[in-house]
Amino acid sequence: MYFIFEFAFSTYRNFANIQNRFIENWSLVMWTLFILILSYTIVKSPKLIFESIAEPKRRKQKYEGLDFFEIEKELLSYIETSKPFLDNNLTLPQLAKSIKLTPHQLSFALNTHLKTTFYDFVNTYRVKYAAQLLESGEHLKLSIFGVAQVSGFKSKASFYSFFKKQFNTTPSKFIEKL
């Protein structure tokens, strides 16, 4: 409380142009003491300052007991057999419900265990499926964008971006190489 008063008084003194050596020296001593006490407190109890920066404990408890290897196995099995990625309206909650997880649990598993996002995970499967269609000559019946739509993509730009990211080439050049 003293330091709030001191700060207010110092500010007033500066604006009013009041100069007094005793008050200035006393103020300097008090501020130095305040900084020393604060520093000592932080050194002795760093949790007072840094605990809020650490990962919350409830997050660990929330996912405690989940077997991420089992979740990964079940997710990959479901993706490969049911091919839900072909639905261009697939959402994280829909996929989570299909494998009996909450959306938060699935997102946590994808982000921390598989080191990917839902969007990247699904689009990787879509691109691989599109490449299989292109290899089988499906592009002769459909346009390249038609293949992308059959594979679950909504936009041409998204398809081309992920295709190039996965295969380091465009779909047209991919077909030429075949």
N, C-alpha and C. Protein backbone atom coordinates (compact mmCIF):
# COMPACT_ATOMS: atom_id res chain seq x y z
N MET A 1 0.83 -1.19 0.00
CA MET A 1 0.00 0.00 0.00
C MET A 1 0.87 1.25 0.00
N TYR A 2 1.95 1.17 0.73
CA TYR A 2 2.86 2.32 0.80
C TYR A 2 3.37 2.68 -0.59
N PHE A 3 3.66 1.65 -1.38
CA PHE A 3 4.27 1.91 -2.69
C PHE A 3 3.28 2.53 -3.67
N ILE A 4 2.02 2.23 -3.51
CA ILE A 4 1.00 2.90 -4.33
C ILE A 4 0.96 4.38 -3.95
N PHE A 5 0.97 4.64 -2.64
CA PHE A 5 0.99 6.02 -2.18
C PHE A 5 2.25 6.73 -2.67
N GLU A 6 3.40 6.05 -2.55
CA GLU A 6 4.68 6.63 -2.97
C GLU A 6 4.67 6.94 -4.46
N PHE A 7 4.14 6.03 -5.26
CA PHE A 7 4.07 6.25 -6.70
C PHE A 7 3.19 7.46 -7.01
N ALA A 8 2.04 7.53 -6.39
CA ALA A 8 1.12 8.65 -6.61
C ALA A 8 1.78 9.96 -6.17
N PHE A 9 2.42 9.95 -5.00
CA PHE A 9 3.05 11.16 -4.49
C PHE A 9 4.21 11.59 -5.39
N SER A 10 5.01 10.63 -5.86
CA SER A 10 6.14 10.95 -6.75
C SER A 10 5.64 11.56 -8.05
N THR A 11 4.58 10.99 -8.56
CA THR A 11 4.00 11.53 -9.79
C THR A 11 3.52 12.96 -9.56
N TYR A 12 2.83 13.19 -8.45
CA TYR A 12 2.36 14.54 -8.12
C TYR A 12 3.54 15.50 -7.98
N ARG A 13 4.58 15.05 -7.26
CA ARG A 13 5.76 15.88 -7.03
C ARG A 13 6.43 16.27 -8.34
N ASN A 14 6.48 15.33 -9.30
CA ASN A 14 7.09 15.63 -10.59
C ASN A 14 6.26 16.64 -11.38
N PHE A 15 4.95 16.49 -11.36
CA PHE A 15 4.10 17.43 -12.09
C PHE A 15 4.06 18.81 -11.43
N ALA A 16 4.10 18.82 -10.10
CA ALA A 16 4.05 20.10 -9.38
C ALA A 16 5.43 20.74 -9.27
N ASN A 17 6.44 20.02 -9.73
CA ASN A 17 7.82 20.49 -9.72
C ASN A 17 8.29 20.82 -8.29
N ILE A 18 7.95 19.92 -7.37
CA ILE A 18 8.38 20.07 -5.98
C ILE A 18 9.71 19.34 -5.83
N GLN A 19 10.73 20.05 -5.35
CA GLN A 19 12.03 19.44 -5.19
C GLN A 19 12.44 19.50 -3.73
N ASN A 20 12.72 18.34 -3.17
CA ASN A 20 13.14 18.24 -1.79
C ASN A 20 14.08 17.05 -1.71
N ARG A 21 15.34 17.28 -1.32
CA ARG A 21 16.34 16.23 -1.28
C ARG A 21 15.96 15.10 -0.32
N PHE A 22 15.45 15.44 0.83
CA PHE A 22 15.08 14.42 1.82
C PHE A 22 14.01 13.48 1.25
N ILE A 23 12.99 14.03 0.65
CA ILE A 23 11.90 13.21 0.09
C ILE A 23 12.42 12.35 -1.06
N GLU A 24 13.27 12.93 -1.92
CA GLU A 24 13.82 12.17 -3.04
C GLU A 24 14.68 11.01 -2.55
N ASN A 25 15.53 11.24 -1.55
CA ASN A 25 16.37 10.17 -1.01
C ASN A 25 15.54 9.10 -0.31
N TRP A 26 14.55 9.51 0.44
CA TRP A 26 13.68 8.56 1.13
C TRP A 26 12.95 7.69 0.09
N SER A 27 12.46 8.31 -0.96
CA SER A 27 11.77 7.59 -2.03
C SER A 27 12.70 6.57 -2.68
N LEU A 28 13.92 6.95 -2.95
CA LEU A 28 14.88 6.05 -3.56
C LEU A 28 15.19 4.86 -2.65
N VAL A 29 15.35 5.11 -1.37
CA VAL A 29 15.61 4.03 -0.40
C VAL A 29 14.42 3.06 -0.37
N MET A 30 13.21 3.58 -0.34
CA MET A 30 12.01 2.73 -0.26
C MET A 30 11.84 1.89 -1.52
N TRP A 31 12.06 2.49 -2.69
CA TRP A 31 11.94 1.73 -3.94
C TRP A 31 13.02 0.65 -4.03
N THR A 32 14.22 0.95 -3.58
CA THR A 32 15.28 -0.05 -3.56
C THR A 32 14.92 -1.20 -2.64
N LEU A 33 14.39 -0.88 -1.48
CA LEU A 33 13.96 -1.90 -0.53
C LEU A 33 12.84 -2.76 -1.13
N PHE A 34 11.91 -2.13 -1.78
CA PHE A 34 10.80 -2.84 -2.42
C PHE A 34 11.33 -3.84 -3.46
N ILE A 35 12.24 -3.41 -4.30
CA ILE A 35 12.79 -4.28 -5.35
C ILE A 35 13.58 -5.43 -4.73
N LEU A 36 14.34 -5.16 -3.67
CA LEU A 36 15.08 -6.23 -3.00
C LEU A 36 14.15 -7.26 -2.37
N ILE A 37 13.10 -6.81 -1.71
CA ILE A 37 12.13 -7.74 -1.10
C ILE A 37 11.43 -8.56 -2.17
N LEU A 38 11.04 -7.92 -3.25
CA LEU A 38 10.37 -8.63 -4.34
C LEU A 38 11.30 -9.67 -4.96
N SER A 39 12.56 -9.31 -5.19
CA SER A 39 13.54 -10.24 -5.76
C SER A 39 13.77 -11.42 -4.83
N TYR A 40 13.92 -11.15 -3.55
CA TYR A 40 14.13 -12.21 -2.57
C TYR A 40 12.93 -13.17 -2.55
N THR A 41 11.74 -12.62 -2.59
CA THR A 41 10.52 -13.44 -2.58
C THR A 41 10.46 -14.34 -3.82
N ILE A 42 10.81 -13.81 -4.98
CA ILE A 42 10.78 -14.60 -6.22
C ILE A 42 11.84 -15.69 -6.18
N VAL A 43 13.02 -15.39 -5.65
CA VAL A 43 14.09 -16.39 -5.58
C VAL A 43 13.69 -17.51 -4.62
N LYS A 44 13.09 -17.17 -3.50
CA LYS A 44 12.71 -18.18 -2.51
C LYS A 44 11.48 -18.99 -2.94
N SER A 45 10.55 -18.36 -3.65
CA SER A 45 9.31 -19.04 -4.07
C SER A 45 9.01 -18.72 -5.53
N PRO A 46 9.73 -19.33 -6.47
CA PRO A 46 9.50 -19.01 -7.88
C PRO A 46 8.12 -19.43 -8.38
N LYS A 47 7.48 -20.37 -7.67
CA LYS A 47 6.14 -20.80 -8.09
C LYS A 47 5.12 -19.68 -8.02
N LEU A 48 5.39 -18.69 -7.18
CA LEU A 48 4.46 -17.55 -7.09
C LEU A 48 4.33 -16.85 -8.44
N ILE A 49 5.41 -16.79 -9.17
CA ILE A 49 5.43 -16.09 -10.46
C ILE A 49 5.26 -17.06 -11.62
N PHE A 50 5.96 -18.18 -11.59
CA PHE A 50 6.06 -19.05 -12.76
C PHE A 50 5.05 -20.19 -12.81
N GLU A 51 4.26 -20.40 -11.79
CA GLU A 51 3.31 -21.50 -11.82
C GLU A 51 2.26 -21.31 -12.89
N SER A 52 1.85 -20.09 -13.15
CA SER A 52 0.84 -19.85 -14.17
C SER A 52 1.35 -20.14 -15.57
N ILE A 53 2.66 -20.14 -15.75
CA ILE A 53 3.24 -20.41 -17.06
C ILE A 53 3.29 -21.92 -17.33
N ALA A 54 3.41 -22.71 -16.29
CA ALA A 54 3.51 -24.17 -16.44
C ALA A 54 2.20 -24.74 -16.98
N GLU A 55 2.29 -25.95 -17.54
CA GLU A 55 1.11 -26.62 -18.08
C GLU A 55 0.12 -26.92 -16.96
N PRO A 56 -1.14 -26.64 -17.18
CA PRO A 56 -2.13 -26.89 -16.13
C PRO A 56 -2.22 -28.37 -15.78
N LYS A 57 -2.38 -28.65 -14.51
CA LYS A 57 -2.45 -30.04 -14.06
C LYS A 57 -3.72 -30.73 -14.52
N ARG A 58 -4.81 -29.99 -14.66
CA ARG A 58 -6.08 -30.61 -15.05
C ARG A 58 -6.01 -31.23 -16.44
N ARG A 59 -5.16 -30.68 -17.30
CA ARG A 59 -5.05 -31.22 -18.65
C ARG A 59 -4.48 -32.63 -18.61
N LYS A 60 -3.47 -32.84 -17.79
CA LYS A 60 -2.89 -34.17 -17.66
C LYS A 60 -3.92 -35.15 -17.10
N GLN A 61 -4.66 -34.72 -16.09
CA GLN A 61 -5.66 -35.59 -15.49
C GLN A 61 -6.79 -35.91 -16.46
N LYS A 62 -7.12 -34.95 -17.31
CA LYS A 62 -8.22 -35.10 -18.24
C LYS A 62 -7.97 -36.26 -19.21
N TYR A 63 -6.71 -36.44 -19.63
CA TYR A 63 -6.37 -37.47 -20.59
C TYR A 63 -5.62 -38.65 -19.96
N GLU A 64 -5.55 -38.63 -18.64
CA GLU A 64 -4.90 -39.72 -17.95
C GLU A 64 -5.72 -40.99 -18.15
N GLY A 65 -5.06 -42.08 -18.42
CA GLY A 65 -5.77 -43.34 -18.61
C GLY A 65 -6.06 -43.64 -20.07
N LEU A 66 -5.84 -42.70 -20.96
CA LEU A 66 -6.04 -42.96 -22.39
C LEU A 66 -4.80 -43.64 -22.94
N ASP A 67 -5.02 -44.68 -23.69
CA ASP A 67 -3.92 -45.40 -24.33
C ASP A 67 -3.79 -44.86 -25.76
N PHE A 68 -2.84 -43.97 -25.98
CA PHE A 68 -2.73 -43.31 -27.28
C PHE A 68 -2.31 -44.27 -28.38
N PHE A 69 -1.59 -45.32 -28.04
CA PHE A 69 -1.24 -46.30 -29.06
C PHE A 69 -2.48 -47.06 -29.52
N GLU A 70 -3.35 -47.34 -28.59
CA GLU A 70 -4.62 -48.01 -28.92
C GLU A 70 -5.52 -47.08 -29.74
N ILE A 71 -5.55 -45.82 -29.36
CA ILE A 71 -6.35 -44.83 -30.11
C ILE A 71 -5.82 -44.72 -31.53
N GLU A 72 -4.49 -44.65 -31.68
CA GLU A 72 -3.89 -44.56 -33.01
C GLU A 72 -4.25 -45.79 -33.84
N LYS A 73 -4.14 -46.95 -33.26
CA LYS A 73 -4.44 -48.19 -33.96
C LYS A 73 -5.91 -48.21 -34.42
N GLU A 74 -6.80 -47.85 -33.52
CA GLU A 74 -8.23 -47.84 -33.84
C GLU A 74 -8.55 -46.78 -34.90
N LEU A 75 -7.95 -45.61 -34.78
CA LEU A 75 -8.18 -44.53 -35.74
C LEU A 75 -7.71 -44.93 -37.13
N LEU A 76 -6.50 -45.45 -37.23
CA LEU A 76 -5.96 -45.83 -38.54
C LEU A 76 -6.76 -46.97 -39.15
N SER A 77 -7.17 -47.91 -38.34
CA SER A 77 -8.00 -49.01 -38.83
C SER A 77 -9.33 -48.49 -39.37
N TYR A 78 -9.95 -47.60 -38.63
CA TYR A 78 -11.23 -47.03 -39.06
C TYR A 78 -11.06 -46.21 -40.34
N ILE A 79 -10.02 -45.40 -40.42
CA ILE A 79 -9.77 -44.56 -41.59
C ILE A 79 -9.56 -45.43 -42.83
N GLU A 80 -8.78 -46.49 -42.69
CA GLU A 80 -8.44 -47.32 -43.85
C GLU A 80 -9.58 -48.23 -44.28
N THR A 81 -10.41 -48.66 -43.36
CA THR A 81 -11.51 -49.56 -43.75
C THR A 81 -12.77 -48.79 -44.16
N SER A 82 -13.15 -47.78 -43.43
CA SER A 82 -14.40 -47.06 -43.70
C SER A 82 -14.22 -45.87 -44.64
N LYS A 83 -13.00 -45.38 -44.78
CA LYS A 83 -12.68 -44.24 -45.65
C LYS A 83 -13.59 -43.03 -45.43
N PRO A 84 -13.70 -42.57 -44.17
CA PRO A 84 -14.56 -41.41 -43.91
C PRO A 84 -14.02 -40.11 -44.52
N PHE A 85 -12.73 -40.11 -44.88
CA PHE A 85 -12.13 -38.91 -45.47
C PHE A 85 -12.70 -38.58 -46.85
N LEU A 86 -13.41 -39.54 -47.47
CA LEU A 86 -14.02 -39.28 -48.77
C LEU A 86 -15.21 -38.32 -48.66
N ASP A 87 -15.75 -38.18 -47.46
CA ASP A 87 -16.83 -37.22 -47.22
C ASP A 87 -16.20 -35.84 -47.08
N ASN A 88 -16.53 -34.93 -48.01
CA ASN A 88 -15.90 -33.61 -47.96
C ASN A 88 -16.45 -32.74 -46.84
N ASN A 89 -17.45 -33.22 -46.12
CA ASN A 89 -17.99 -32.48 -44.96
C ASN A 89 -17.58 -33.11 -43.64
N LEU A 90 -16.60 -34.01 -43.67
CA LEU A 90 -16.14 -34.68 -42.45
C LEU A 90 -15.62 -33.66 -41.45
N THR A 91 -16.04 -33.81 -40.21
CA THR A 91 -15.59 -32.91 -39.15
C THR A 91 -14.90 -33.72 -38.05
N LEU A 92 -14.15 -33.03 -37.24
CA LEU A 92 -13.48 -33.66 -36.11
C LEU A 92 -14.49 -34.34 -35.17
N PRO A 93 -15.59 -33.67 -34.80
CA PRO A 93 -16.56 -34.34 -33.93
C PRO A 93 -17.15 -35.62 -34.54
N GLN A 94 -17.38 -35.62 -35.84
CA GLN A 94 -17.91 -36.83 -36.49
C GLN A 94 -16.91 -37.98 -36.41
N LEU A 95 -15.67 -37.68 -36.71
CA LEU A 95 -14.63 -38.72 -36.67
C LEU A 95 -14.43 -39.22 -35.24
N ALA A 96 -14.43 -38.29 -34.29
CA ALA A 96 -14.26 -38.68 -32.88
C ALA A 96 -15.39 -39.58 -32.42
N LYS A 97 -16.60 -39.24 -32.80
CA LYS A 97 -17.77 -40.05 -32.42
C LYS A 97 -17.68 -41.45 -33.01
N SER A 98 -17.15 -41.56 -34.21
CA SER A 98 -17.02 -42.86 -34.87
C SER A 98 -16.08 -43.79 -34.14
N ILE A 99 -15.09 -43.25 -33.47
CA ILE A 99 -14.15 -44.11 -32.73
C ILE A 99 -14.34 -43.98 -31.22
N LYS A 100 -15.48 -43.45 -30.84
CA LYS A 100 -15.90 -43.37 -29.43
C LYS A 100 -14.96 -42.55 -28.56
N LEU A 101 -14.60 -41.36 -29.06
CA LEU A 101 -13.81 -40.40 -28.30
C LEU A 101 -14.53 -39.07 -28.33
N THR A 102 -14.12 -38.17 -27.45
CA THR A 102 -14.63 -36.81 -27.53
C THR A 102 -13.77 -36.07 -28.56
N PRO A 103 -14.29 -35.00 -29.14
CA PRO A 103 -13.47 -34.23 -30.08
C PRO A 103 -12.16 -33.73 -29.45
N HIS A 104 -12.21 -33.36 -28.18
CA HIS A 104 -11.00 -32.89 -27.50
C HIS A 104 -9.97 -34.01 -27.36
N GLN A 105 -10.44 -35.21 -27.04
CA GLN A 105 -9.51 -36.33 -26.90
C GLN A 105 -8.86 -36.66 -28.24
N LEU A 106 -9.66 -36.68 -29.32
CA LEU A 106 -9.11 -36.99 -30.64
C LEU A 106 -8.13 -35.91 -31.07
N SER A 107 -8.49 -34.67 -30.86
CA SER A 107 -7.61 -33.56 -31.23
C SER A 107 -6.30 -33.64 -30.45
N PHE A 108 -6.39 -33.93 -29.17
CA PHE A 108 -5.20 -34.07 -28.32
C PHE A 108 -4.33 -35.22 -28.82
N ALA A 109 -4.95 -36.34 -29.17
CA ALA A 109 -4.20 -37.50 -29.67
C ALA A 109 -3.51 -37.18 -30.99
N LEU A 110 -4.23 -36.51 -31.90
CA LEU A 110 -3.63 -36.14 -33.18
C LEU A 110 -2.48 -35.17 -32.99
N ASN A 111 -2.69 -34.15 -32.17
CA ASN A 111 -1.69 -33.11 -32.00
C ASN A 111 -0.45 -33.59 -31.26
N THR A 112 -0.63 -34.32 -30.18
CA THR A 112 0.52 -34.69 -29.35
C THR A 112 1.13 -36.03 -29.73
N HIS A 113 0.30 -37.01 -30.05
CA HIS A 113 0.82 -38.35 -30.32
C HIS A 113 1.22 -38.52 -31.79
N LEU A 114 0.36 -38.08 -32.70
CA LEU A 114 0.64 -38.23 -34.13
C LEU A 114 1.33 -37.00 -34.73
N LYS A 115 1.45 -35.94 -33.94
CA LYS A 115 2.14 -34.71 -34.37
C LYS A 115 1.54 -34.14 -35.67
N THR A 116 0.23 -34.08 -35.74
CA THR A 116 -0.45 -33.52 -36.90
C THR A 116 -1.76 -32.88 -36.45
N THR A 117 -2.38 -32.17 -37.35
CA THR A 117 -3.69 -31.59 -37.07
C THR A 117 -4.75 -32.44 -37.76
N PHE A 118 -5.98 -32.26 -37.37
CA PHE A 118 -7.08 -32.98 -38.00
C PHE A 118 -7.10 -32.70 -39.51
N TYR A 119 -6.97 -31.44 -39.85
CA TYR A 119 -7.02 -31.01 -41.25
C TYR A 119 -5.91 -31.70 -42.06
N ASP A 120 -4.67 -31.67 -41.57
CA ASP A 120 -3.56 -32.31 -42.28
C ASP A 120 -3.73 -33.83 -42.33
N PHE A 121 -4.18 -34.42 -41.24
CA PHE A 121 -4.38 -35.86 -41.17
C PHE A 121 -5.35 -36.34 -42.24
N VAL A 122 -6.51 -35.70 -42.31
CA VAL A 122 -7.56 -36.10 -43.26
C VAL A 122 -7.10 -35.83 -44.69
N ASN A 123 -6.51 -34.66 -44.93
CA ASN A 123 -6.10 -34.32 -46.29
C ASN A 123 -4.94 -35.18 -46.79
N THR A 124 -4.13 -35.70 -45.92
CA THR A 124 -3.07 -36.63 -46.33
C THR A 124 -3.69 -37.90 -46.89
N TYR A 125 -4.72 -38.41 -46.22
CA TYR A 125 -5.41 -39.60 -46.74
C TYR A 125 -6.14 -39.28 -48.05
N ARG A 126 -6.72 -38.11 -48.14
CA ARG A 126 -7.40 -37.72 -49.38
C ARG A 126 -6.43 -37.65 -50.56
N VAL A 127 -5.26 -37.08 -50.33
CA VAL A 127 -4.27 -36.96 -51.40
C VAL A 127 -3.77 -38.33 -51.83
N LYS A 128 -3.52 -39.20 -50.89
CA LYS A 128 -3.06 -40.56 -51.22
C LYS A 128 -4.13 -41.30 -52.04
N TYR A 129 -5.39 -41.12 -51.67
CA TYR A 129 -6.48 -41.74 -52.39
C TYR A 129 -6.56 -41.17 -53.81
N ALA A 130 -6.41 -39.86 -53.94
CA ALA A 130 -6.43 -39.21 -55.25
C ALA A 130 -5.29 -39.73 -56.12
N ALA A 131 -4.13 -39.91 -55.54
CA ALA A 131 -2.98 -40.44 -56.29
C ALA A 131 -3.27 -41.85 -56.79
N GLN A 132 -3.92 -42.66 -55.96
CA GLN A 132 -4.29 -44.01 -56.40
C GLN A 132 -5.26 -43.95 -57.58
N LEU A 133 -6.21 -43.02 -57.51
CA LEU A 133 -7.17 -42.86 -58.62
C LEU A 133 -6.46 -42.40 -59.89
N LEU A 134 -5.53 -41.47 -59.75
CA LEU A 134 -4.79 -41.00 -60.92
C LEU A 134 -3.95 -42.13 -61.52
N GLU A 135 -3.34 -42.94 -60.67
CA GLU A 135 -2.53 -44.08 -61.15
C GLU A 135 -3.38 -45.11 -61.86
N SER A 136 -4.63 -45.24 -61.44
CA SER A 136 -5.51 -46.23 -62.06
C SER A 136 -6.18 -45.71 -63.34
N GLY A 137 -5.88 -44.46 -63.71
CA GLY A 137 -6.43 -43.89 -64.94
C GLY A 137 -7.78 -43.23 -64.78
N GLU A 138 -8.19 -42.98 -63.57
CA GLU A 138 -9.48 -42.35 -63.30
C GLU A 138 -9.55 -40.94 -63.89
N HIS A 139 -8.41 -40.30 -64.06
CA HIS A 139 -8.39 -38.95 -64.63
C HIS A 139 -8.82 -38.93 -66.10
N LEU A 140 -8.86 -40.11 -66.73
CA LEU A 140 -9.34 -40.18 -68.11
C LEU A 140 -10.86 -40.06 -68.17
N LYS A 141 -11.54 -40.48 -67.09
CA LYS A 141 -13.00 -40.38 -67.02
C LYS A 141 -13.43 -39.05 -66.40
N LEU A 142 -12.66 -38.60 -65.44
CA LEU A 142 -12.96 -37.36 -64.72
C LEU A 142 -11.83 -36.36 -64.94
N SER A 143 -12.09 -35.10 -64.68
CA SER A 143 -11.02 -34.12 -64.69
C SER A 143 -10.18 -34.32 -63.42
N ILE A 144 -9.06 -33.65 -63.36
CA ILE A 144 -8.22 -33.74 -62.15
C ILE A 144 -9.00 -33.23 -60.95
N PHE A 145 -9.75 -32.14 -61.13
CA PHE A 145 -10.56 -31.63 -60.03
C PHE A 145 -11.68 -32.60 -59.68
N GLY A 146 -12.19 -33.33 -60.67
CA GLY A 146 -13.20 -34.37 -60.41
C GLY A 146 -12.63 -35.46 -59.50
N VAL A 147 -11.38 -35.84 -59.77
CA VAL A 147 -10.69 -36.81 -58.92
C VAL A 147 -10.54 -36.25 -57.51
N ALA A 148 -10.21 -34.97 -57.43
CA ALA A 148 -10.06 -34.32 -56.12
C ALA A 148 -11.38 -34.35 -55.36
N GLN A 149 -12.48 -34.06 -56.04
CA GLN A 149 -13.79 -34.07 -55.38
C GLN A 149 -14.18 -35.46 -54.93
N VAL A 150 -13.92 -36.46 -55.75
CA VAL A 150 -14.21 -37.85 -55.38
C VAL A 150 -13.37 -38.25 -54.16
N SER A 151 -12.19 -37.66 -54.04
CA SER A 151 -11.28 -37.96 -52.92
C SER A 151 -11.65 -37.21 -51.65
N GLY A 152 -12.62 -36.30 -51.71
CA GLY A 152 -13.08 -35.61 -50.52
C GLY A 152 -12.71 -34.14 -50.44
N PHE A 153 -12.01 -33.62 -51.42
CA PHE A 153 -11.63 -32.20 -51.40
C PHE A 153 -12.79 -31.34 -51.89
N LYS A 154 -12.94 -30.18 -51.27
CA LYS A 154 -13.95 -29.22 -51.69
C LYS A 154 -13.39 -28.22 -52.68
N SER A 155 -12.12 -27.86 -52.51
CA SER A 155 -11.56 -26.81 -53.37
C SER A 155 -10.35 -27.32 -54.13
N LYS A 156 -10.21 -26.78 -55.33
CA LYS A 156 -9.09 -27.12 -56.19
C LYS A 156 -7.77 -26.66 -55.58
N ALA A 157 -7.79 -25.46 -55.01
CA ALA A 157 -6.57 -24.89 -54.41
C ALA A 157 -6.06 -25.75 -53.26
N SER A 158 -6.97 -26.21 -52.42
CA SER A 158 -6.58 -27.06 -51.30
C SER A 158 -6.00 -28.37 -51.80
N PHE A 159 -6.64 -28.95 -52.81
CA PHE A 159 -6.16 -30.21 -53.39
C PHE A 159 -4.75 -30.04 -53.95
N TYR A 160 -4.55 -29.02 -54.77
CA TYR A 160 -3.24 -28.81 -55.39
C TYR A 160 -2.17 -28.55 -54.33
N SER A 161 -2.51 -27.78 -53.32
CA SER A 161 -1.56 -27.47 -52.26
C SER A 161 -1.12 -28.73 -51.52
N PHE A 162 -2.08 -29.56 -51.12
CA PHE A 162 -1.73 -30.79 -50.40
C PHE A 162 -1.05 -31.81 -51.29
N PHE A 163 -1.47 -31.87 -52.56
CA PHE A 163 -0.84 -32.81 -53.48
C PHE A 163 0.63 -32.47 -53.65
N LYS A 164 0.90 -31.18 -53.86
CA LYS A 164 2.28 -30.76 -54.04
C LYS A 164 3.10 -30.98 -52.76
N LYS A 165 2.48 -30.76 -51.61
CA LYS A 165 3.16 -30.98 -50.33
C LYS A 165 3.52 -32.45 -50.14
N GLN A 166 2.63 -33.34 -50.57
CA GLN A 166 2.83 -34.78 -50.37
C GLN A 166 3.79 -35.38 -51.40
N PHE A 167 3.66 -34.97 -52.67
CA PHE A 167 4.41 -35.62 -53.75
C PHE A 167 5.47 -34.72 -54.41
N ASN A 168 5.60 -33.48 -53.95
CA ASN A 168 6.57 -32.53 -54.51
C ASN A 168 6.38 -32.30 -56.01
N THR A 169 5.17 -32.43 -56.48
CA THR A 169 4.85 -32.17 -57.87
C THR A 169 3.36 -31.87 -57.99
N THR A 170 2.97 -31.32 -59.11
CA THR A 170 1.54 -31.04 -59.32
C THR A 170 0.86 -32.31 -59.82
N PRO A 171 -0.45 -32.37 -59.73
CA PRO A 171 -1.17 -33.55 -60.24
C PRO A 171 -0.92 -33.77 -61.74
N SER A 172 -0.86 -32.71 -62.52
CA SER A 172 -0.62 -32.84 -63.97
C SER A 172 0.74 -33.48 -64.25
N LYS A 173 1.76 -33.02 -63.56
CA LYS A 173 3.10 -33.60 -63.75
C LYS A 173 3.17 -35.03 -63.21
N PHE A 174 2.39 -35.29 -62.16
CA PHE A 174 2.31 -36.64 -61.60
C PHE A 174 1.76 -37.60 -62.67
N ILE A 175 0.74 -37.15 -63.40
CA ILE A 175 0.13 -37.97 -64.46
C ILE A 175 1.13 -38.17 -65.60
N GLU A 176 1.86 -37.12 -65.95
CA GLU A 176 2.85 -37.22 -67.03
C GLU A 176 3.91 -38.27 -66.70
N LYS A 177 4.31 -38.34 -65.44
CA LYS A 177 5.34 -39.30 -65.03
C LYS A 177 4.84 -40.74 -65.12
N LEU A 178 3.50 -40.90 -65.05
CA LEU A 178 2.95 -42.25 -65.15
C LEU A 178 3.09 -42.76 -66.56
